Amino acid sequence: MSGFPEELDVPVVAGADLADTRVERALRSTEVVFTGHVWDVVREEVELPGGETVARDVQRHPGAVTVLALDGEEDVLLLRQYRHPVRRELWELPAGLLDVDGEAPLRAAQRELAEEADLVAAEWAVVVDWFNSPGGSSEANRIYLARGLSAVPEHERHEREDEERDLVPVRVPLEEAVRAVLEGRLHNPGTVIGVLAVHAARAAGWSTLRPADEPWPEGVLRR
């Protein structure tokens, strides 16, 4: 198989140079055009290189965390939850917003695992960080791997409300979850990214996992 056409002069980038970079463009104006229950939408006029300005509507999102809970048999915990915007019940990983003032992302992940799945974990690690829809949203998401699972005592379990009252938990072998993603049967972005990233981490002998308390500068981009 041939490479890129030589006349396009596409350079090769590898190693530490292959990393996203934070850039602050000058804002000419900012206006809140919608105030919602969970997030707002702001219209920002930003200056591009050369002095041109463009207006962009941005979902101002608090950020979120996602948890892939993996048991000793390498089964993944998935939860079926109704998502109204897409009119579907999706198989998802436990996840939640960073909407508690002063709460560290790891603590938020631990809370969400307990609240949504009635589980606690002895081992935590960072799998992958991502932006959910960077063309229109500030949402940053961090996916954790949780292992060494045990049940929350029944008298301490969270009382779930709204859509979460009907959460249906299942155990799925990791390989089957990967197959379902690649065959287009699973669509939740956290599930897709988490399952594929954990599968890749396992293939690498778990050497790619990062400390659970690793700093997350992208997670504080929310304003």
Protein backbone atom coordinates (compact mmCIF):
# COMPACT_ATOMS: atom_id res chain seq x y z
CA MET A 1 0.00 0.00 0.00
CA SER A 2 1.46 3.36 -1.02
CA GLY A 3 1.83 6.36 1.27
CA PHE A 4 0.38 9.84 0.94
CA PRO A 5 0.94 11.52 -2.45
CA GLU A 6 4.35 13.19 -2.42
CA GLU A 7 3.06 16.38 -4.03
CA LEU A 8 0.93 17.08 -0.93
CA ASP A 9 4.05 17.21 1.27
CA VAL A 10 2.31 15.80 4.38
CA PRO A 11 4.84 15.76 7.25
CA VAL A 12 5.17 12.91 9.72
CA VAL A 13 4.52 13.74 13.39
CA ALA A 14 5.26 11.25 16.17
CA GLY A 15 6.32 11.00 19.79
CA ALA A 16 5.78 13.88 22.17
CA ASP A 17 4.96 16.24 19.31
CA LEU A 18 1.68 14.39 18.75
CA ALA A 19 -0.36 16.20 21.38
CA ASP A 20 -3.23 18.66 21.41
CA THR A 21 -2.29 22.20 22.36
CA ARG A 22 -4.31 24.75 24.29
CA VAL A 23 -4.58 28.05 22.41
CA GLU A 24 -6.30 31.21 23.63
CA ARG A 25 -7.82 33.25 20.82
CA ALA A 26 -8.97 36.79 21.55
CA LEU A 27 -12.69 37.03 22.33
CA ARG A 28 -14.43 40.10 20.96
CA SER A 29 -17.74 39.38 22.68
CA THR A 30 -19.53 36.74 24.78
CA GLU A 31 -23.29 36.49 25.23
CA VAL A 32 -25.35 33.87 27.06
CA VAL A 33 -28.15 33.03 24.61
CA PHE A 34 -29.67 30.09 26.52
CA THR A 35 -29.66 29.16 30.19
CA GLY A 36 -30.51 25.52 30.83
CA HIS A 37 -30.96 23.11 33.71
CA VAL A 38 -27.56 21.46 33.20
CA TRP A 39 -25.70 23.65 30.70
CA ASP A 40 -25.84 27.04 29.01
CA VAL A 41 -25.22 28.09 25.43
CA VAL A 42 -23.01 31.10 24.82
CA ARG A 43 -22.39 32.97 21.57
CA GLU A 44 -18.77 34.00 21.30
CA GLU A 45 -17.12 36.16 18.67
CA VAL A 46 -13.54 34.95 18.39
CA GLU A 47 -10.62 36.40 16.45
CA LEU A 48 -8.80 34.07 14.08
CA PRO A 49 -5.21 34.49 12.82
CA GLY A 50 -5.08 37.42 10.43
CA GLY A 51 -7.72 39.40 12.29
CA GLU A 52 -10.87 37.76 10.89
CA THR A 53 -13.63 37.17 13.45
CA VAL A 54 -16.26 34.42 13.51
CA ALA A 55 -19.27 33.84 15.77
CA ARG A 56 -19.66 30.44 17.40
CA ASP A 57 -22.42 29.04 19.63
CA VAL A 58 -20.87 26.93 22.38
CA GLN A 59 -22.48 24.56 24.84
CA ARG A 60 -20.88 25.53 28.16
CA HIS A 61 -20.68 22.12 29.84
CA PRO A 62 -19.50 21.23 33.37
CA GLY A 63 -17.62 18.13 32.18
CA ALA A 64 -18.17 14.49 33.07
CA VAL A 65 -16.55 11.25 34.16
CA THR A 66 -17.18 7.69 32.96
CA VAL A 67 -16.36 4.38 34.65
CA LEU A 68 -15.61 1.05 33.01
CA ALA A 69 -16.05 -1.50 35.81
CA LEU A 70 -14.25 -4.74 34.96
CA ASP A 71 -14.63 -7.83 37.13
CA GLY A 72 -12.14 -10.67 37.65
CA GLU A 73 -13.55 -12.58 34.67
CA GLU A 74 -13.07 -9.51 32.46
CA ASP A 75 -16.77 -8.81 32.16
CA VAL A 76 -17.81 -5.17 31.69
CA LEU A 77 -20.74 -3.67 33.57
CA LEU A 78 -23.21 -1.98 31.22
CA LEU A 79 -26.41 -0.14 32.12
CA ARG A 80 -29.40 0.25 29.83
CA GLN A 81 -30.78 3.78 30.02
CA TYR A 82 -33.36 5.73 28.03
CA ARG A 83 -31.94 8.80 26.26
CA HIS A 84 -34.72 11.07 25.08
CA PRO A 85 -32.84 13.18 22.47
CA VAL A 86 -32.11 10.06 20.38
CA ARG A 87 -35.33 8.21 21.38
CA ARG A 88 -33.41 5.08 22.31
CA GLU A 89 -32.41 2.92 25.23
CA LEU A 90 -28.62 2.78 25.13
CA TRP A 91 -26.16 0.44 26.79
CA GLU A 92 -23.87 2.73 28.75
CA LEU A 93 -21.07 2.74 31.30
CA PRO A 94 -21.76 4.39 34.67
CA ALA A 95 -21.13 8.10 34.19
CA GLY A 96 -22.07 11.51 35.50
CA LEU A 97 -21.51 15.24 35.46
CA LEU A 98 -18.84 17.15 37.34
CA ASP A 99 -21.55 19.23 38.95
CA VAL A 100 -20.58 19.09 42.63
CA ASP A 101 -18.54 22.12 43.70
CA GLY A 102 -15.03 21.18 44.79
CA GLU A 103 -15.41 17.47 43.99
CA ALA A 104 -12.33 15.90 42.41
CA PRO A 105 -12.91 13.91 39.20
CA LEU A 106 -11.85 10.63 40.82
CA ARG A 107 -14.26 11.17 43.69
CA ALA A 108 -17.02 11.96 41.19
CA ALA A 109 -16.30 8.70 39.37
CA GLN A 110 -16.42 6.75 42.61
CA ARG A 111 -19.71 8.40 43.52
CA GLU A 112 -21.26 7.66 40.14
CA LEU A 113 -20.25 3.99 40.30
CA ALA A 114 -21.87 3.68 43.70
CA GLU A 115 -25.01 5.61 42.78
CA GLU A 116 -25.68 4.00 39.41
CA ALA A 117 -24.36 0.47 39.91
CA ASP A 118 -24.26 -0.08 43.71
CA LEU A 119 -20.55 -0.87 43.40
CA VAL A 120 -17.27 0.23 44.96
CA ALA A 121 -13.85 -0.58 43.55
CA ALA A 122 -10.48 -1.19 45.21
CA GLU A 123 -8.40 -0.29 42.13
CA TRP A 124 -8.75 2.81 39.96
CA ALA A 125 -6.80 4.03 36.94
CA VAL A 126 -7.23 6.56 34.13
CA VAL A 127 -7.84 4.97 30.74
CA VAL A 128 -8.41 7.87 28.36
CA ASP A 129 -9.44 11.56 28.23
CA TRP A 130 -11.55 13.04 25.45
CA PHE A 131 -13.74 15.93 24.34
CA ASN A 132 -17.28 14.82 23.56
CA SER A 133 -18.05 17.29 20.75
CA PRO A 134 -15.30 19.92 20.54
CA GLY A 135 -16.82 21.63 17.52
CA GLY A 136 -19.69 22.93 19.63
CA SER A 137 -19.25 21.95 23.29
CA SER A 138 -16.70 22.46 26.05
CA GLU A 139 -17.50 19.04 27.57
CA ALA A 140 -14.40 17.13 28.67
CA ASN A 141 -14.72 13.51 29.75
CA ARG A 142 -12.31 11.21 31.60
CA ILE A 143 -12.79 7.45 31.56
CA TYR A 144 -11.61 5.42 34.54
CA LEU A 145 -11.02 1.69 34.85
CA ALA A 146 -12.42 0.29 38.12
CA ARG A 147 -11.40 -3.18 39.33
CA GLY A 148 -11.61 -5.14 42.55
CA LEU A 149 -15.38 -4.70 42.71
CA SER A 150 -17.64 -5.17 45.72
CA ALA A 151 -21.24 -4.25 46.52
CA VAL A 152 -22.36 -1.14 48.37
CA PRO A 153 -24.16 -2.27 51.56
CA GLU A 154 -27.88 -2.34 50.91
CA HIS A 155 -28.71 0.25 53.58
CA GLU A 156 -26.22 2.69 52.01
CA ARG A 157 -27.45 2.44 48.42
CA HIS A 158 -28.51 5.52 46.50
CA GLU A 159 -32.19 5.95 45.66
CA ARG A 160 -32.26 6.51 41.93
CA GLU A 161 -34.68 8.95 40.29
CA ASP A 162 -36.07 9.91 36.87
CA GLU A 163 -34.53 7.88 34.01
CA GLU A 164 -32.05 6.31 36.42
CA ARG A 165 -34.85 4.50 38.28
CA ASP A 166 -35.12 2.03 35.40
CA LEU A 167 -31.42 1.31 34.89
CA VAL A 168 -30.88 -2.30 33.85
CA PRO A 169 -27.39 -3.65 34.72
CA VAL A 170 -25.75 -6.51 32.81
CA ARG A 171 -22.33 -8.14 32.64
CA VAL A 172 -20.81 -8.43 29.17
CA PRO A 173 -17.50 -10.13 28.30
CA LEU A 174 -15.06 -7.47 27.14
CA GLU A 175 -14.53 -9.22 23.81
CA GLU A 176 -18.29 -9.29 23.17
CA ALA A 177 -18.55 -5.59 24.02
CA VAL A 178 -15.78 -4.83 21.51
CA ARG A 179 -17.61 -6.87 18.87
CA ALA A 180 -20.87 -5.02 19.55
CA VAL A 181 -19.11 -1.67 19.15
CA LEU A 182 -17.43 -2.62 15.88
CA GLU A 183 -20.64 -4.07 14.47
CA GLY A 184 -22.47 -0.81 15.16
CA ARG A 185 -24.76 -2.22 17.86
CA LEU A 186 -23.60 0.16 20.62
CA HIS A 187 -23.70 3.94 20.15
CA ASN A 188 -23.09 5.74 23.44
CA PRO A 189 -19.76 7.59 23.01
CA GLY A 190 -18.48 6.75 26.48
CA THR A 191 -19.22 3.08 25.91
CA VAL A 192 -17.60 3.04 22.48
CA ILE A 193 -14.46 4.88 23.60
CA GLY A 194 -14.18 3.13 26.96
CA VAL A 195 -14.60 -0.39 25.62
CA LEU A 196 -12.11 0.09 22.78
CA ALA A 197 -9.59 1.91 24.98
CA VAL A 198 -9.70 -0.73 27.73
CA HIS A 199 -9.37 -3.47 25.12
CA ALA A 200 -6.26 -1.72 23.77
CA ALA A 201 -4.90 -1.21 27.29
CA ARG A 202 -5.30 -4.90 28.04
CA ALA A 203 -3.52 -5.80 24.80
CA ALA A 204 -0.63 -3.61 25.98
CA GLY A 205 -0.45 -5.49 29.29
CA TRP A 206 -2.16 -2.57 31.06
CA SER A 207 1.04 -0.53 30.60
CA THR A 208 -0.91 2.45 29.21
CA LEU A 209 -3.01 2.98 32.34
CA ARG A 210 -2.33 6.21 34.21
CA PRO A 211 -2.62 7.01 37.94
CA ALA A 212 -6.21 7.65 39.00
CA ASP A 213 -5.28 11.02 40.50
CA GLU A 214 -3.29 12.25 37.48
CA PRO A 215 -3.89 15.98 36.86
CA TRP A 216 -6.49 16.71 34.21
CA PRO A 217 -6.08 20.25 32.86
CA GLU A 218 -8.63 19.65 30.10
CA GLY A 219 -11.21 18.91 32.77
CA VAL A 220 -11.05 22.47 34.06
CA LEU A 221 -11.66 24.12 30.69
CA ARG A 222 -15.31 24.42 31.71
CA ARG A 223 -16.21 27.89 32.94
